[in-house]
Amino acid sequence: MANVLGAAQQSAMTLESGCTNLYARMPEARVHLYGKGERPGRKIGHINFLGTDIDQENLTKLRERAELAAHWLSHGQWADGWNPHG
């Protein structure tokens, strides 16, 4: 799980559009938005990823995916530089 926090500068992308793009890349993500207005640092939702293997390596990978997805929703850019358009 990772929290989705309001960014210092609000993204031009809406959260709904962000979720659509997120699901295209990570269809296994489970996004829970709270319906709150965005402001810097405010918790506006969270993202879960589920796994069946609970060893430390897999837990770390799931946590990294959740943090990457949460950053995408907050900032409108992938922290790993991924670009669907090449």
C-alpha atoms as a PDB file:
ATOM      1  CA  MET A   1       0.000   0.000   0.000  1.00  0.00           C
ATOM      2  CA  ALA A   2       1.044   3.584  -0.651  1.00  0.00           C
ATOM      3  CA  ASN A   3      -0.760   6.803   0.161  1.00  0.00           C
ATOM      4  CA  VAL A   4      -1.754   9.223  -2.586  1.00  0.00           C
ATOM      5  CA  LEU A   5      -0.870  12.704  -1.368  1.00  0.00           C
ATOM      6  CA  GLY A   6      -1.621  16.072  -2.876  1.00  0.00           C
ATOM      7  CA  ALA A   7       1.469  17.422  -4.647  1.00  0.00           C
ATOM      8  CA  ALA A   8       3.056  20.831  -4.090  1.00  0.00           C
ATOM      9  CA  GLN A   9       1.974  21.709  -7.630  1.00  0.00           C
ATOM     10  CA  GLN A  10      -1.268  20.176  -8.790  1.00  0.00           C
ATOM     11  CA  SER A  11      -1.012  18.065 -11.919  1.00  0.00           C
ATOM     12  CA  ALA A  12      -2.806  19.189 -15.076  1.00  0.00           C
ATOM     13  CA  MET A  13      -4.229  15.662 -15.215  1.00  0.00           C
ATOM     14  CA  THR A  14      -7.436  14.849 -13.335  1.00  0.00           C
ATOM     15  CA  LEU A  15      -7.409  11.942 -10.889  1.00  0.00           C
ATOM     16  CA  GLU A  16      -9.923  10.120 -13.092  1.00  0.00           C
ATOM     17  CA  SER A  17      -7.629  10.444 -16.112  1.00  0.00           C
ATOM     18  CA  GLY A  18      -4.685   9.405 -13.969  1.00  0.00           C
ATOM     19  CA  CYS A  19      -6.529   6.254 -12.874  1.00  0.00           C
ATOM     20  CA  THR A  20      -7.338   5.371 -16.487  1.00  0.00           C
ATOM     21  CA  ASN A  21      -3.662   5.653 -17.418  1.00  0.00           C
ATOM     22  CA  LEU A  22      -2.580   3.818 -14.283  1.00  0.00           C
ATOM     23  CA  TYR A  23      -4.865   0.871 -15.021  1.00  0.00           C
ATOM     24  CA  ALA A  24      -3.510   0.701 -18.577  1.00  0.00           C
ATOM     25  CA  ARG A  25      -0.016   0.156 -17.164  1.00  0.00           C
ATOM     26  CA  MET A  26      -0.870  -1.647 -13.921  1.00  0.00           C
ATOM     27  CA  PRO A  27      -4.289  -3.293 -14.205  1.00  0.00           C
ATOM     28  CA  GLU A  28      -3.789  -5.094 -10.882  1.00  0.00           C
ATOM     29  CA  ALA A  29      -3.678  -1.793  -8.934  1.00  0.00           C
ATOM     30  CA  ARG A  30      -6.528  -1.118  -6.521  1.00  0.00           C
ATOM     31  CA  VAL A  31      -7.086   2.614  -6.090  1.00  0.00           C
ATOM     32  CA  HIS A  32      -9.150   4.051  -3.265  1.00  0.00           C
ATOM     33  CA  LEU A  33      -9.808   7.805  -3.540  1.00  0.00           C
ATOM     34  CA  TYR A  34     -11.516   9.592  -0.676  1.00  0.00           C
ATOM     35  CA  GLY A  35     -13.273  12.352  -2.631  1.00  0.00           C
ATOM     36  CA  LYS A  36     -11.274  15.063  -0.861  1.00  0.00           C
ATOM     37  CA  GLY A  37     -10.023  18.204  -2.556  1.00  0.00           C
ATOM     38  CA  GLU A  38      -6.327  18.250  -3.343  1.00  0.00           C
ATOM     39  CA  ARG A  39      -3.825  20.373  -1.455  1.00  0.00           C
ATOM     40  CA  PRO A  40      -0.118  19.820  -0.789  1.00  0.00           C
ATOM     41  CA  GLY A  41       0.530  16.882   1.527  1.00  0.00           C
ATOM     42  CA  ARG A  42      -3.128  16.013   2.055  1.00  0.00           C
ATOM     43  CA  LYS A  43      -3.950  12.300   1.927  1.00  0.00           C
ATOM     44  CA  ILE A  44      -6.475  11.963  -0.881  1.00  0.00           C
ATOM     45  CA  GLY A  45      -6.408   8.191  -1.264  1.00  0.00           C
ATOM     46  CA  HIS A  46      -4.303   5.060  -1.279  1.00  0.00           C
ATOM     47  CA  ILE A  47      -3.256   2.311  -3.670  1.00  0.00           C
ATOM     48  CA  ASN A  48      -3.020  -1.400  -2.918  1.00  0.00           C
ATOM     49  CA  PHE A  49      -1.272  -4.201  -4.751  1.00  0.00           C
ATOM     50  CA  LEU A  50      -1.942  -7.776  -3.711  1.00  0.00           C
ATOM     51  CA  GLY A  51       0.414 -10.709  -3.904  1.00  0.00           C
ATOM     52  CA  THR A  52       0.308 -14.369  -2.985  1.00  0.00           C
ATOM     53  CA  ASP A  53       3.998 -14.847  -2.150  1.00  0.00           C
ATOM     54  CA  ILE A  54       4.901 -13.036   1.053  1.00  0.00           C
ATOM     55  CA  ASP A  55       8.676 -13.290   1.020  1.00  0.00           C
ATOM     56  CA  GLN A  56      10.594 -10.049   1.568  1.00  0.00           C
ATOM     57  CA  GLU A  57      11.654  -9.630  -2.065  1.00  0.00           C
ATOM     58  CA  ASN A  58       8.076  -9.822  -3.345  1.00  0.00           C
ATOM     59  CA  LEU A  59       6.788  -7.511  -0.621  1.00  0.00           C
ATOM     60  CA  THR A  60       9.441  -4.970  -1.564  1.00  0.00           C
ATOM     61  CA  LYS A  61       8.457  -5.169  -5.249  1.00  0.00           C
ATOM     62  CA  LEU A  62       4.780  -4.702  -4.441  1.00  0.00           C
ATOM     63  CA  ARG A  63       5.552  -1.720  -2.215  1.00  0.00           C
ATOM     64  CA  GLU A  64       7.709  -0.151  -4.954  1.00  0.00           C
ATOM     65  CA  ARG A  65       4.880  -0.570  -7.487  1.00  0.00           C
ATOM     66  CA  ALA A  66       2.419   1.044  -5.076  1.00  0.00           C
ATOM     67  CA  GLU A  67       4.741   3.997  -4.469  1.00  0.00           C
ATOM     68  CA  LEU A  68       5.317   4.417  -8.210  1.00  0.00           C
ATOM     69  CA  ALA A  69       1.567   4.393  -8.853  1.00  0.00           C
ATOM     70  CA  ALA A  70       0.863   6.851  -6.021  1.00  0.00           C
ATOM     71  CA  HIS A  71       3.502   9.238  -7.373  1.00  0.00           C
ATOM     72  CA  TRP A  72       1.887   9.028 -10.817  1.00  0.00           C
ATOM     73  CA  LEU A  73      -1.526   9.994  -9.429  1.00  0.00           C
ATOM     74  CA  SER A  74      -0.090  12.836  -7.347  1.00  0.00           C
ATOM     75  CA  HIS A  75       2.284  14.340  -9.904  1.00  0.00           C
ATOM     76  CA  GLY A  76       1.080  13.197 -13.321  1.00  0.00           C
ATOM     77  CA  GLN A  77       4.466  11.774 -14.258  1.00  0.00           C
ATOM     78  CA  TRP A  78       6.068   8.394 -13.806  1.00  0.00           C
ATOM     79  CA  ALA A  79       8.972   8.545 -11.342  1.00  0.00           C
ATOM     80  CA  ASP A  80      10.740   5.815 -13.313  1.00  0.00           C
ATOM     81  CA  GLY A  81      10.595   7.847 -16.546  1.00  0.00           C
ATOM     82  CA  TRP A  82       8.192   5.450 -18.267  1.00  0.00           C
ATOM     83  CA  ASN A  83       6.478   6.944 -21.296  1.00  0.00           C
ATOM     84  CA  PRO A  84       3.708   5.004 -23.056  1.00  0.00           C
ATOM     85  CA  HIS A  85       4.370   6.901 -26.280  1.00  0.00           C
ATOM     86  CA  GLY A  86       8.037   5.972 -26.490  1.00  0.00           C
END
